[in-house]
N, C-alpha and C. Protein backbone atom coordinates (compact mmCIF):
# COMPACT_ATOMS: atom_id res chain seq x y z
N MET A 1 23.47 -7.10 3.13
CA MET A 1 24.58 -6.66 3.93
C MET A 1 25.76 -6.28 3.18
N VAL A 2 26.63 -7.98 2.77
CA VAL A 2 27.62 -7.99 1.98
C VAL A 2 27.61 -7.65 0.78
N GLY A 3 26.55 -7.38 0.33
CA GLY A 3 26.17 -7.14 -0.97
C GLY A 3 26.04 -8.14 -2.23
N VAL A 4 25.70 -9.39 -1.49
CA VAL A 4 25.99 -10.76 -2.51
C VAL A 4 24.58 -11.48 -1.85
N SER A 5 23.91 -11.92 -2.71
CA SER A 5 22.41 -12.54 -2.59
C SER A 5 22.82 -13.65 -1.45
N GLU A 6 21.32 -14.13 -1.07
CA GLU A 6 21.15 -15.14 0.08
C GLU A 6 21.57 -16.46 -0.19
N TYR A 7 21.02 -16.70 -1.56
CA TYR A 7 21.51 -17.84 -2.34
C TYR A 7 22.84 -18.03 -2.39
N ALA A 8 23.45 -17.19 -2.64
CA ALA A 8 25.71 -17.19 -2.89
C ALA A 8 25.53 -17.42 -1.79
N VAL A 9 25.52 -16.81 -0.58
CA VAL A 9 25.66 -16.85 0.71
C VAL A 9 25.67 -18.87 1.68
N ALA A 10 24.51 -19.17 1.21
CA ALA A 10 24.10 -20.15 1.50
C ALA A 10 24.71 -21.43 0.49
N GLU A 11 25.11 -21.28 -0.50
CA GLU A 11 25.96 -22.11 -1.34
C GLU A 11 26.85 -22.13 -0.21
N LEU A 12 28.09 -20.85 -0.46
CA LEU A 12 29.21 -21.16 0.29
C LEU A 12 28.91 -22.03 2.15
N ALA A 13 27.95 -21.62 2.38
CA ALA A 13 28.06 -22.24 3.83
C ALA A 13 27.53 -23.94 3.26
N ARG A 14 27.21 -23.40 2.34
CA ARG A 14 26.96 -25.48 2.40
C ARG A 14 28.40 -26.16 2.05
N ASP A 15 29.57 -25.19 1.41
CA ASP A 15 30.79 -25.73 0.62
C ASP A 15 31.22 -25.54 1.80
N TYR A 16 31.39 -25.24 2.89
CA TYR A 16 32.12 -24.93 4.06
C TYR A 16 31.58 -25.83 5.42
N ALA A 17 30.58 -26.74 4.85
CA ALA A 17 29.53 -27.52 5.79
C ALA A 17 29.18 -26.58 6.96
N ILE A 18 28.45 -25.14 6.67
CA ILE A 18 28.54 -24.84 8.36
C ILE A 18 26.84 -24.86 8.21
N PRO A 19 26.24 -25.38 9.22
CA PRO A 19 25.03 -25.67 9.07
C PRO A 19 23.75 -24.21 8.80
N LEU A 20 23.02 -24.92 8.27
CA LEU A 20 21.84 -23.65 8.02
C LEU A 20 20.74 -23.98 8.61
N ARG A 21 19.82 -22.56 8.99
CA ARG A 21 19.05 -22.56 9.29
C ARG A 21 17.75 -23.36 8.69
N PRO A 22 16.43 -24.31 8.66
CA PRO A 22 15.89 -24.23 7.85
C PRO A 22 14.66 -23.08 7.97
N ALA A 23 14.52 -23.15 6.44
CA ALA A 23 13.69 -21.59 5.65
C ALA A 23 11.59 -21.77 6.25
N LYS A 24 11.54 -21.03 6.33
CA LYS A 24 10.59 -20.36 7.16
C LYS A 24 9.33 -20.77 6.23
N ALA A 25 8.70 -21.38 6.50
CA ALA A 25 7.06 -21.70 5.23
C ALA A 25 6.65 -20.11 4.89
N ALA A 26 5.81 -20.53 3.35
CA ALA A 26 5.68 -19.56 3.57
C ALA A 26 4.31 -19.00 3.85
N SER A 27 3.71 -17.61 4.55
CA SER A 27 2.34 -17.38 5.06
C SER A 27 1.54 -18.33 4.05
N LYS A 28 0.10 -18.56 4.67
CA LYS A 28 -1.18 -18.93 4.41
C LYS A 28 -1.62 -18.31 4.65
N TYR A 29 -1.68 -16.89 5.68
CA TYR A 29 -2.74 -16.02 5.61
C TYR A 29 -3.66 -15.34 4.80
N THR A 30 -5.13 -15.87 5.14
CA THR A 30 -6.10 -15.63 3.86
C THR A 30 -6.93 -14.55 4.52
N ILE A 31 -8.07 -13.74 4.45
CA ILE A 31 -8.51 -13.04 4.78
C ILE A 31 -10.02 -13.22 4.38
N ASP A 32 -11.37 -13.12 4.91
CA ASP A 32 -12.45 -13.90 4.61
C ASP A 32 -12.99 -12.86 3.40
N ARG A 33 -13.64 -12.87 2.18
CA ARG A 33 -13.98 -12.35 1.15
C ARG A 33 -14.98 -11.09 1.55
N ASP A 34 -16.25 -11.27 2.07
CA ASP A 34 -16.98 -10.59 2.76
C ASP A 34 -16.50 -9.77 3.42
N TRP A 35 -15.65 -9.71 4.76
CA TRP A 35 -15.54 -8.73 5.40
C TRP A 35 -14.28 -7.94 4.90
N LEU A 36 -13.47 -8.67 4.21
CA LEU A 36 -12.54 -7.97 3.39
C LEU A 36 -13.37 -6.82 2.30
N TYR A 37 -14.24 -7.05 1.81
CA TYR A 37 -15.33 -6.74 0.74
C TYR A 37 -15.90 -5.22 1.43
N THR A 38 -16.58 -6.07 2.34
CA THR A 38 -17.77 -4.42 3.50
C THR A 38 -16.55 -3.36 3.95
N GLU A 39 -15.40 -4.27 4.92
CA GLU A 39 -14.17 -3.33 5.11
C GLU A 39 -13.79 -2.20 4.04
N HIS A 40 -13.27 -2.66 3.02
CA HIS A 40 -12.94 -1.80 1.98
C HIS A 40 -13.16 -0.88 1.06
N ILE A 41 -14.26 -1.62 0.85
CA ILE A 41 -15.50 -1.03 -0.69
C ILE A 41 -16.41 -0.44 0.51
N THR A 42 -17.13 -1.23 1.22
CA THR A 42 -18.06 -0.47 1.96
C THR A 42 -18.02 0.58 2.94
N TYR A 43 -16.78 0.74 3.63
CA TYR A 43 -16.59 1.46 4.34
C TYR A 43 -15.48 2.27 4.20
N GLY A 44 -14.76 2.05 2.81
CA GLY A 44 -13.48 2.81 2.47
C GLY A 44 -12.16 2.87 3.46
N ARG A 45 -12.04 1.74 4.00
CA ARG A 45 -11.09 1.81 4.83
C ARG A 45 -9.66 1.65 4.27
N SER A 46 -8.27 1.70 4.38
CA SER A 46 -7.07 1.47 3.62
C SER A 46 -7.12 0.25 3.71
N PRO A 47 -6.25 -0.59 2.83
CA PRO A 47 -5.28 -1.89 3.60
C PRO A 47 -4.36 -1.39 3.96
N GLY A 48 -4.02 -0.50 4.69
CA GLY A 48 -3.00 -0.42 5.68
C GLY A 48 -3.50 -0.40 7.26
N GLU A 49 -4.88 0.30 6.68
CA GLU A 49 -5.43 0.32 8.28
C GLU A 49 -6.33 -1.28 8.39
N LEU A 50 -6.93 -2.04 7.73
CA LEU A 50 -6.87 -3.01 7.48
C LEU A 50 -5.78 -4.51 8.17
N ALA A 51 -4.45 -3.55 7.37
CA ALA A 51 -3.72 -4.85 7.65
C ALA A 51 -3.13 -4.78 9.12
N ARG A 52 -3.17 -3.38 10.13
CA ARG A 52 -2.98 -2.92 11.27
C ARG A 52 -4.10 -3.70 12.11
N GLU A 53 -4.99 -3.61 11.81
CA GLU A 53 -5.98 -4.29 12.37
C GLU A 53 -6.01 -5.97 13.09
N ARG A 54 -5.49 -6.66 11.49
CA ARG A 54 -5.49 -8.61 11.35
C ARG A 54 -3.95 -7.86 11.52
N GLY A 55 -2.95 -7.38 12.21
CA GLY A 55 -1.44 -7.85 12.33
C GLY A 55 -0.85 -8.32 11.11
N VAL A 56 -0.97 -7.73 10.19
CA VAL A 56 -0.99 -8.73 8.56
C VAL A 56 0.00 -7.37 7.93
N SER A 57 1.07 -7.26 6.86
CA SER A 57 1.27 -6.29 5.91
C SER A 57 0.46 -5.96 5.20
N GLY A 58 0.30 -4.63 4.63
CA GLY A 58 -0.40 -4.13 3.73
C GLY A 58 -0.33 -4.88 2.77
N SER A 59 0.77 -5.54 1.70
CA SER A 59 0.87 -6.45 1.02
C SER A 59 0.07 -7.48 1.00
N THR A 60 -0.14 -7.80 2.31
CA THR A 60 -1.37 -9.53 2.47
C THR A 60 -2.68 -9.19 2.45
N VAL A 61 -2.95 -7.87 2.45
CA VAL A 61 -4.19 -7.38 2.32
C VAL A 61 -4.37 -7.27 0.89
N SER A 62 -3.49 -6.12 0.10
CA SER A 62 -3.58 -6.51 -1.54
C SER A 62 -3.89 -7.50 -1.81
N LYS A 63 -2.80 -8.57 -1.65
CA LYS A 63 -3.26 -10.40 -1.87
C LYS A 63 -3.78 -10.59 -1.59
N CYS A 64 -4.65 -10.54 -0.60
CA CYS A 64 -5.93 -11.06 -0.32
C CYS A 64 -7.07 -10.59 -1.19
N ALA A 65 -6.82 -9.39 -1.38
CA ALA A 65 -8.03 -8.72 -2.68
C ALA A 65 -7.80 -9.04 -3.88
N LYS A 66 -6.73 -9.04 -4.43
CA LYS A 66 -6.77 -9.91 -5.17
C LYS A 66 -7.07 -10.80 -5.71
N ILE A 67 -6.41 -12.26 -4.66
CA ILE A 67 -7.35 -13.47 -4.74
C ILE A 67 -8.83 -13.61 -4.98
N HIS A 68 -9.09 -12.52 -4.43
CA HIS A 68 -10.61 -12.57 -4.09
C HIS A 68 -11.35 -11.26 -5.06
N ASP A 69 -10.78 -11.42 -6.08
CA ASP A 69 -11.13 -10.07 -7.06
C ASP A 69 -11.99 -9.30 -6.61
N ILE A 70 -11.01 -8.13 -5.58
CA ILE A 70 -11.98 -7.56 -5.04
C ILE A 70 -11.20 -5.85 -5.54
N PRO A 71 -11.23 -4.93 -5.97
CA PRO A 71 -10.37 -4.33 -6.75
C PRO A 71 -10.26 -3.00 -5.22
N VAL A 72 -8.29 -2.72 -5.65
CA VAL A 72 -7.98 -2.16 -4.23
C VAL A 72 -7.90 -0.41 -4.53
N ARG A 73 -8.95 0.09 -3.64
CA ARG A 73 -8.45 1.67 -3.87
C ARG A 73 -7.21 2.15 -3.93
N ARG A 74 -6.86 3.08 -5.24
CA ARG A 74 -5.52 3.80 -4.81
C ARG A 74 -5.59 5.54 -4.70
N LEU A 75 -4.49 5.72 -4.01
CA LEU A 75 -4.45 7.45 -3.75
C LEU A 75 -5.06 8.05 -4.87
N SER A 76 -5.67 8.89 -5.32
CA SER A 76 -5.89 9.66 -6.32
C SER A 76 -5.85 10.70 -6.46
N ARG A 77 -4.69 11.70 -7.05
CA ARG A 77 -4.71 13.50 -6.80
C ARG A 77 -5.39 13.90 -8.11
N TYR A 78 -5.60 14.78 -7.97
CA TYR A 78 -5.74 16.00 -9.10
C TYR A 78 -4.83 16.93 -9.75
N SER A 79 -4.83 17.10 -10.95
CA SER A 79 -4.13 18.21 -11.31
C SER A 79 -4.16 18.97 -10.97
N PRO A 80 -3.24 20.64 -10.77
CA PRO A 80 -3.82 22.01 -10.19
C PRO A 80 -4.77 22.78 -10.93
N GLU A 81 -4.24 22.56 -12.56
CA GLU A 81 -5.86 23.27 -13.26
C GLU A 81 -6.92 23.19 -13.01
N SER A 82 -6.58 21.33 -12.79
CA SER A 82 -8.62 21.12 -12.79
C SER A 82 -9.26 21.37 -11.52
N VAL A 83 -8.40 21.94 -10.49
CA VAL A 83 -8.75 21.58 -8.85
C VAL A 83 -9.65 23.26 -9.12
N ASN A 84 -8.28 24.03 -9.56
CA ASN A 84 -8.18 25.76 -9.72
C ASN A 84 -9.41 26.55 -10.46
N ALA A 85 -9.38 25.50 -11.49
CA ALA A 85 -10.40 25.58 -12.45
C ALA A 85 -12.09 25.22 -12.08
N ASN A 86 -12.40 24.65 -11.13
CA ASN A 86 -13.39 24.18 -10.39
C ASN A 86 -14.05 25.37 -9.07
N ALA A 87 -14.46 26.05 -9.04
CA ALA A 87 -14.97 27.27 -8.13
C ALA A 87 -16.23 26.60 -7.21
N ASP A 88 -16.13 25.05 -7.43
CA ASP A 88 -16.65 24.40 -6.33
C ASP A 88 -16.19 23.97 -4.87
N ILE A 89 -15.19 24.06 -5.26
CA ILE A 89 -14.31 23.33 -4.26
C ILE A 89 -13.07 24.46 -3.57
N PRO A 90 -13.51 24.57 -2.10
CA PRO A 90 -13.14 25.45 -1.22
C PRO A 90 -11.66 25.72 -1.43
N ALA A 91 -11.05 26.96 -1.27
CA ALA A 91 -9.60 26.75 -1.58
C ALA A 91 -8.86 26.02 -0.27
N VAL A 92 -9.19 25.86 0.62
CA VAL A 92 -9.04 25.06 2.37
C VAL A 92 -8.77 23.51 1.60
N LEU A 93 -9.45 23.16 0.75
CA LEU A 93 -9.21 21.51 0.20
C LEU A 93 -7.94 21.41 -0.77
N VAL A 94 -7.71 22.69 -1.14
CA VAL A 94 -7.33 22.45 -2.93
C VAL A 94 -5.35 21.84 -2.42
N PRO A 95 -5.22 22.58 -1.30
CA PRO A 95 -4.21 21.42 -1.30
C PRO A 95 -4.01 20.02 -1.26
N ALA A 96 -4.84 19.36 -0.43
CA ALA A 96 -5.24 17.70 -0.33
C ALA A 96 -5.70 17.12 -1.03
N LEU A 97 -6.32 18.13 -2.42
CA LEU A 97 -6.96 17.30 -3.54
C LEU A 97 -5.48 17.34 -5.06
N ILE A 98 -4.55 18.39 -4.86
CA ILE A 98 -3.69 18.10 -5.89
C ILE A 98 -1.96 17.39 -5.48
N GLY A 99 -1.37 17.21 -4.02
CA GLY A 99 -0.33 17.50 -4.13
C GLY A 99 -0.22 16.67 -2.57
N GLN A 100 0.77 16.59 -2.44
CA GLN A 100 1.76 15.72 -0.66
C GLN A 100 2.43 16.91 -0.47
N GLY A 101 1.91 18.26 0.57
CA GLY A 101 1.88 19.05 1.02
C GLY A 101 2.93 20.25 0.05
N VAL A 102 3.96 21.19 1.09
CA VAL A 102 4.88 21.67 0.27
C VAL A 102 5.00 21.69 -1.29
N GLY A 103 5.18 22.40 -1.45
CA GLY A 103 5.78 22.27 -3.31
C GLY A 103 5.17 21.76 -3.86
N SER A 104 3.41 21.37 -3.90
CA SER A 104 2.94 20.80 -5.09
C SER A 104 2.33 21.46 -6.05
N GLY A 105 2.54 22.70 -5.95
CA GLY A 105 2.43 23.34 -7.22
C GLY A 105 1.07 23.82 -7.00
N TYR A 106 0.08 24.44 -6.00
CA TYR A 106 -1.39 24.72 -6.44
C TYR A 106 -1.07 26.01 -5.80
N SER A 107 -2.19 26.44 -6.68
CA SER A 107 -1.87 28.06 -6.14
C SER A 107 -3.73 28.49 -5.56
N ALA A 108 -3.85 28.52 -4.88
CA ALA A 108 -5.94 28.49 -4.08
C ALA A 108 -6.22 29.55 -4.23
N SER A 109 -7.24 29.85 -5.30
CA SER A 109 -8.04 31.12 -6.21
C SER A 109 -9.33 31.59 -5.01
N PRO A 110 -9.08 32.92 -4.58
CA PRO A 110 -9.70 33.35 -3.50
C PRO A 110 -11.38 32.69 -4.38
N GLY A 111 -12.04 32.87 -3.32
CA GLY A 111 -13.38 32.57 -4.15
C GLY A 111 -14.26 31.10 -3.50
């Protein structure tokens, strides 16, 4: 808030004998490997969705996945050229495959 680190503020507080609150212990939350694998890999649920269900942050779910050696799926997009070149992709799906909303650079070809 004031542009200095919390450590600098704590040091000043100690210098002026201002009492500090005790530090919070790091979270030891873990997620069962089998549940996480089933929900994320088998059912394709996102780390954010799983985090909301468990009442934790998305980074906690990702950290647990890393600990359990479970690959975390990343959002992937395709280039406008490769999508437009594929005649099997319906034009209505082109925006979803190549970009995030308006200005993504797509041009849906009829057909």
